[in-house]
Each structure stands twice: as structure tokens, then as C-alpha cells.
């Protein structure tokens, strides 16, 4: 088995998942079609703001929040609903989206480019 870099893993994940543009995410949020999940660390939220309406689930806890059989489970992680993940630039959210698919989430995607792409597209961020 060849050693893979983090970049290799992200590229592979992006080939297996739905990659959304900031505009696509904004449209889904405006239509109340999706739960947006911010998987960045708490410090990042304080430093770089948040996308309005996003819930926070740090990457390190994601699988535990998503697993309905665990006491950590969060009701926002409903396999019947649309879930969109984002991070700072799209790498962690791509990997996390692939992980949720492995856990049986079928209607899951990520914001390609993360909050950076969101901001660069002129979209609002709150403190």
C-alpha cells in the first residue's frame, strides 16, 4: 500500500462526494433545504467568523455527533435530511463528507473552498 499525503486523500474524497459552490450552498440555505455544519475548530470561528445559520460540530467530534447510537449524537445529523459541511478551505470538509457517506448519510455534500470561498464570493459572515 502506497503512502498517501493529506492532499491525495482530499483529492480522492472530492471525486466521491458532491462539491458545491458558494452560490449553490446559499440557494439551498435560502430555500431551507439543508443544514449547514461548520466543522472548524472553535478558535477558527472566533478568528474568522461564521456563515449565518451554520451549526458547529468540530471535525474531531463529527462521527460521534452523527452516530445515533451514541450519547454524543446531535439531532441535526438526520440521515433523512440534507447536510452540507464546510471548513476553512474545503479539505477537512471533503474528508468529513466522505466519512459521513461511509456512515450511511446519502444526502450530504460540502462547500468546496470552505468559508474562504464563501467570503471571496461576497457572502455574509457573522462574528
C-alpha atoms as a PDB file:
ATOM      1  CA  UNK A   1       0.000   0.000   0.000  1.00  0.00           C
ATOM      2  CA  UNK A   2       1.464   3.328  -1.092  1.00  0.00           C
ATOM      3  CA  UNK A   3       1.769   6.171   1.357  1.00  0.00           C
ATOM      4  CA  UNK A   4      -0.710   8.937   0.609  1.00  0.00           C
ATOM      5  CA  UNK A   5      -0.453  12.584   1.515  1.00  0.00           C
ATOM      6  CA  UNK A   6      -3.287  14.600   3.013  1.00  0.00           C
ATOM      7  CA  UNK A   7      -3.629  16.265  -0.399  1.00  0.00           C
ATOM      8  CA  UNK A   8      -4.019  12.848  -2.046  1.00  0.00           C
ATOM      9  CA  UNK A   9      -6.746  11.891   0.442  1.00  0.00           C
ATOM     10  CA  UNK A  10      -8.629  15.153  -0.152  1.00  0.00           C
ATOM     11  CA  UNK A  11      -8.439  14.698  -3.950  1.00  0.00           C
ATOM     12  CA  UNK A  12      -9.803  11.160  -3.641  1.00  0.00           C
ATOM     13  CA  UNK A  13     -12.597  12.307  -1.327  1.00  0.00           C
ATOM     14  CA  UNK A  14     -13.628  15.093  -3.721  1.00  0.00           C
ATOM     15  CA  UNK A  15     -14.046  12.508  -6.500  1.00  0.00           C
ATOM     16  CA  UNK A  16     -16.520  10.543  -4.343  1.00  0.00           C
ATOM     17  CA  UNK A  17     -18.669  13.384  -2.969  1.00  0.00           C
ATOM     18  CA  UNK A  18     -20.851  16.288  -4.053  1.00  0.00           C
ATOM     19  CA  UNK A  19     -18.812  19.505  -4.245  1.00  0.00           C
ATOM     20  CA  UNK A  20     -20.928  22.671  -4.045  1.00  0.00           C
ATOM     21  CA  UNK A  21     -20.128  26.265  -4.960  1.00  0.00           C
ATOM     22  CA  UNK A  22     -20.887  29.084  -2.505  1.00  0.00           C
ATOM     23  CA  UNK A  23     -23.859  30.072  -4.689  1.00  0.00           C
ATOM     24  CA  UNK A  24     -25.288  26.546  -4.597  1.00  0.00           C
ATOM     25  CA  UNK A  25     -24.949  26.437  -0.804  1.00  0.00           C
ATOM     26  CA  UNK A  26     -26.549  29.868  -0.469  1.00  0.00           C
ATOM     27  CA  UNK A  27     -29.520  28.778  -2.609  1.00  0.00           C
ATOM     28  CA  UNK A  28     -30.041  25.627  -0.544  1.00  0.00           C
ATOM     29  CA  UNK A  29     -29.865  27.638   2.682  1.00  0.00           C
ATOM     30  CA  UNK A  30     -32.304  30.267   1.380  1.00  0.00           C
ATOM     31  CA  UNK A  31     -34.760  27.516   0.440  1.00  0.00           C
ATOM     32  CA  UNK A  32     -34.377  25.887   3.878  1.00  0.00           C
ATOM     33  CA  UNK A  33     -33.340  22.699   2.137  1.00  0.00           C
ATOM     34  CA  UNK A  34     -30.204  21.985   4.140  1.00  0.00           C
ATOM     35  CA  UNK A  35     -28.436  22.017   7.475  1.00  0.00           C
ATOM     36  CA  UNK A  36     -25.056  23.721   7.143  1.00  0.00           C
ATOM     37  CA  UNK A  37     -22.446  22.280   9.508  1.00  0.00           C
ATOM     38  CA  UNK A  38     -19.233  24.171  10.294  1.00  0.00           C
ATOM     39  CA  UNK A  39     -16.562  21.619  11.213  1.00  0.00           C
ATOM     40  CA  UNK A  40     -13.786  24.096  12.020  1.00  0.00           C
ATOM     41  CA  UNK A  41     -12.281  24.321  15.494  1.00  0.00           C
ATOM     42  CA  UNK A  42     -13.807  26.758  17.977  1.00  0.00           C
ATOM     43  CA  UNK A  43     -10.821  29.133  17.736  1.00  0.00           C
ATOM     44  CA  UNK A  44     -11.319  29.399  13.973  1.00  0.00           C
ATOM     45  CA  UNK A  45     -14.907  30.525  14.442  1.00  0.00           C
ATOM     46  CA  UNK A  46     -13.747  33.304  16.762  1.00  0.00           C
ATOM     47  CA  UNK A  47     -10.965  34.386  14.389  1.00  0.00           C
ATOM     48  CA  UNK A  48     -12.760  34.160  11.046  1.00  0.00           C
ATOM     49  CA  UNK A  49     -16.474  34.441  11.753  1.00  0.00           C
ATOM     50  CA  UNK A  50     -19.312  32.126  10.816  1.00  0.00           C
ATOM     51  CA  UNK A  51     -21.715  31.596   7.961  1.00  0.00           C
ATOM     52  CA  UNK A  52     -25.146  32.669   9.246  1.00  0.00           C
ATOM     53  CA  UNK A  53     -27.327  29.678  10.079  1.00  0.00           C
ATOM     54  CA  UNK A  54     -24.481  27.172  10.337  1.00  0.00           C
ATOM     55  CA  UNK A  55     -24.305  24.865  13.327  1.00  0.00           C
ATOM     56  CA  UNK A  56     -20.939  23.978  14.856  1.00  0.00           C
ATOM     57  CA  UNK A  57     -19.634  20.422  15.035  1.00  0.00           C
ATOM     58  CA  UNK A  58     -15.825  20.309  15.297  1.00  0.00           C
ATOM     59  CA  UNK A  59     -14.194  17.786  12.974  1.00  0.00           C
ATOM     60  CA  UNK A  60     -12.886  15.733  15.887  1.00  0.00           C
ATOM     61  CA  UNK A  61     -16.422  15.072  17.148  1.00  0.00           C
ATOM     62  CA  UNK A  62     -18.233  14.687  13.824  1.00  0.00           C
ATOM     63  CA  UNK A  63     -18.561  10.905  13.732  1.00  0.00           C
ATOM     64  CA  UNK A  64     -19.716  10.853  17.359  1.00  0.00           C
ATOM     65  CA  UNK A  65     -22.328  13.587  16.751  1.00  0.00           C
ATOM     66  CA  UNK A  66     -23.517  11.751  13.618  1.00  0.00           C
ATOM     67  CA  UNK A  67     -23.890   8.307  15.211  1.00  0.00           C
ATOM     68  CA  UNK A  68     -27.453   7.989  16.536  1.00  0.00           C
ATOM     69  CA  UNK A  69     -26.451   5.108  18.812  1.00  0.00           C
ATOM     70  CA  UNK A  70     -24.099   7.265  20.896  1.00  0.00           C
ATOM     71  CA  UNK A  71     -24.877   9.678  23.733  1.00  0.00           C
ATOM     72  CA  UNK A  72     -22.974  12.392  21.822  1.00  0.00           C
ATOM     73  CA  UNK A  73     -25.459  12.263  18.935  1.00  0.00           C
ATOM     74  CA  UNK A  74     -26.869  15.611  17.780  1.00  0.00           C
ATOM     75  CA  UNK A  75     -30.356  15.649  16.211  1.00  0.00           C
ATOM     76  CA  UNK A  76     -29.123  17.881  13.373  1.00  0.00           C
ATOM     77  CA  UNK A  77     -27.415  14.775  11.995  1.00  0.00           C
ATOM     78  CA  UNK A  78     -30.504  13.181  10.488  1.00  0.00           C
ATOM     79  CA  UNK A  79     -29.847  10.738   7.658  1.00  0.00           C
ATOM     80  CA  UNK A  80     -33.152  11.725   6.047  1.00  0.00           C
ATOM     81  CA  UNK A  81     -32.155  15.385   5.706  1.00  0.00           C
ATOM     82  CA  UNK A  82     -29.756  17.340   3.504  1.00  0.00           C
ATOM     83  CA  UNK A  83     -26.469  18.127   5.255  1.00  0.00           C
ATOM     84  CA  UNK A  84     -23.748  20.396   3.880  1.00  0.00           C
ATOM     85  CA  UNK A  85     -20.374  20.566   5.621  1.00  0.00           C
ATOM     86  CA  UNK A  86     -17.795  23.317   5.449  1.00  0.00           C
ATOM     87  CA  UNK A  87     -14.418  24.127   6.920  1.00  0.00           C
ATOM     88  CA  UNK A  88     -11.846  26.851   6.210  1.00  0.00           C
ATOM     89  CA  UNK A  89     -10.839  25.935   2.653  1.00  0.00           C
ATOM     90  CA  UNK A  90     -12.574  22.646   1.820  1.00  0.00           C
ATOM     91  CA  UNK A  91     -10.060  19.941   2.677  1.00  0.00           C
ATOM     92  CA  UNK A  92     -11.397  18.808   6.036  1.00  0.00           C
ATOM     93  CA  UNK A  93     -14.997  19.098   4.889  1.00  0.00           C
ATOM     94  CA  UNK A  94     -14.282  16.935   1.836  1.00  0.00           C
ATOM     95  CA  UNK A  95     -12.814  14.216   4.053  1.00  0.00           C
ATOM     96  CA  UNK A  96     -15.653  14.582   6.558  1.00  0.00           C
ATOM     97  CA  UNK A  97     -18.298  14.365   3.829  1.00  0.00           C
ATOM     98  CA  UNK A  98     -16.744  11.140   2.551  1.00  0.00           C
ATOM     99  CA  UNK A  99     -16.796   9.806   6.125  1.00  0.00           C
ATOM    100  CA  UNK A 100     -20.492  10.637   6.585  1.00  0.00           C
ATOM    101  CA  UNK A 101     -21.240   8.823   3.328  1.00  0.00           C
ATOM    102  CA  UNK A 102     -19.484   5.754   4.760  1.00  0.00           C
ATOM    103  CA  UNK A 103     -21.741   6.115   7.804  1.00  0.00           C
ATOM    104  CA  UNK A 104     -24.866   5.925   5.624  1.00  0.00           C
ATOM    105  CA  UNK A 105     -25.617   9.603   5.013  1.00  0.00           C
ATOM    106  CA  UNK A 106     -26.743   9.761   1.389  1.00  0.00           C
ATOM    107  CA  UNK A 107     -27.777  13.403   1.039  1.00  0.00           C
ATOM    108  CA  UNK A 108     -24.530  15.016   2.144  1.00  0.00           C
ATOM    109  CA  UNK A 109     -22.243  17.496   0.363  1.00  0.00           C
ATOM    110  CA  UNK A 110     -19.603  20.086   1.173  1.00  0.00           C
ATOM    111  CA  UNK A 111     -18.820  23.693   0.369  1.00  0.00           C
ATOM    112  CA  UNK A 112     -15.829  23.423  -1.954  1.00  0.00           C
ATOM    113  CA  UNK A 113     -13.339  26.092  -0.944  1.00  0.00           C
ATOM    114  CA  UNK A 114     -14.856  26.458   2.524  1.00  0.00           C
ATOM    115  CA  UNK A 115     -15.578  29.727   4.280  1.00  0.00           C
ATOM    116  CA  UNK A 116     -12.746  31.308   2.296  1.00  0.00           C
ATOM    117  CA  UNK A 117     -14.649  30.724  -0.971  1.00  0.00           C
ATOM    118  CA  UNK A 118     -17.850  31.883   0.754  1.00  0.00           C
ATOM    119  CA  UNK A 119     -16.220  35.190   1.744  1.00  0.00           C
ATOM    120  CA  UNK A 120     -14.460  35.581  -1.623  1.00  0.00           C
ATOM    121  CA  UNK A 121     -17.876  35.284  -3.298  1.00  0.00           C
ATOM    122  CA  UNK A 122     -19.097  38.292  -1.325  1.00  0.00           C
ATOM    123  CA  UNK A 123     -21.344  36.358   1.043  1.00  0.00           C
ATOM    124  CA  UNK A 124     -22.057  37.444   4.609  1.00  0.00           C
ATOM    125  CA  UNK A 125     -20.131  36.207   7.636  1.00  0.00           C
ATOM    126  CA  UNK A 126     -21.087  36.982  11.246  1.00  0.00           C
ATOM    127  CA  UNK A 127     -18.952  37.154  14.383  1.00  0.00           C
END
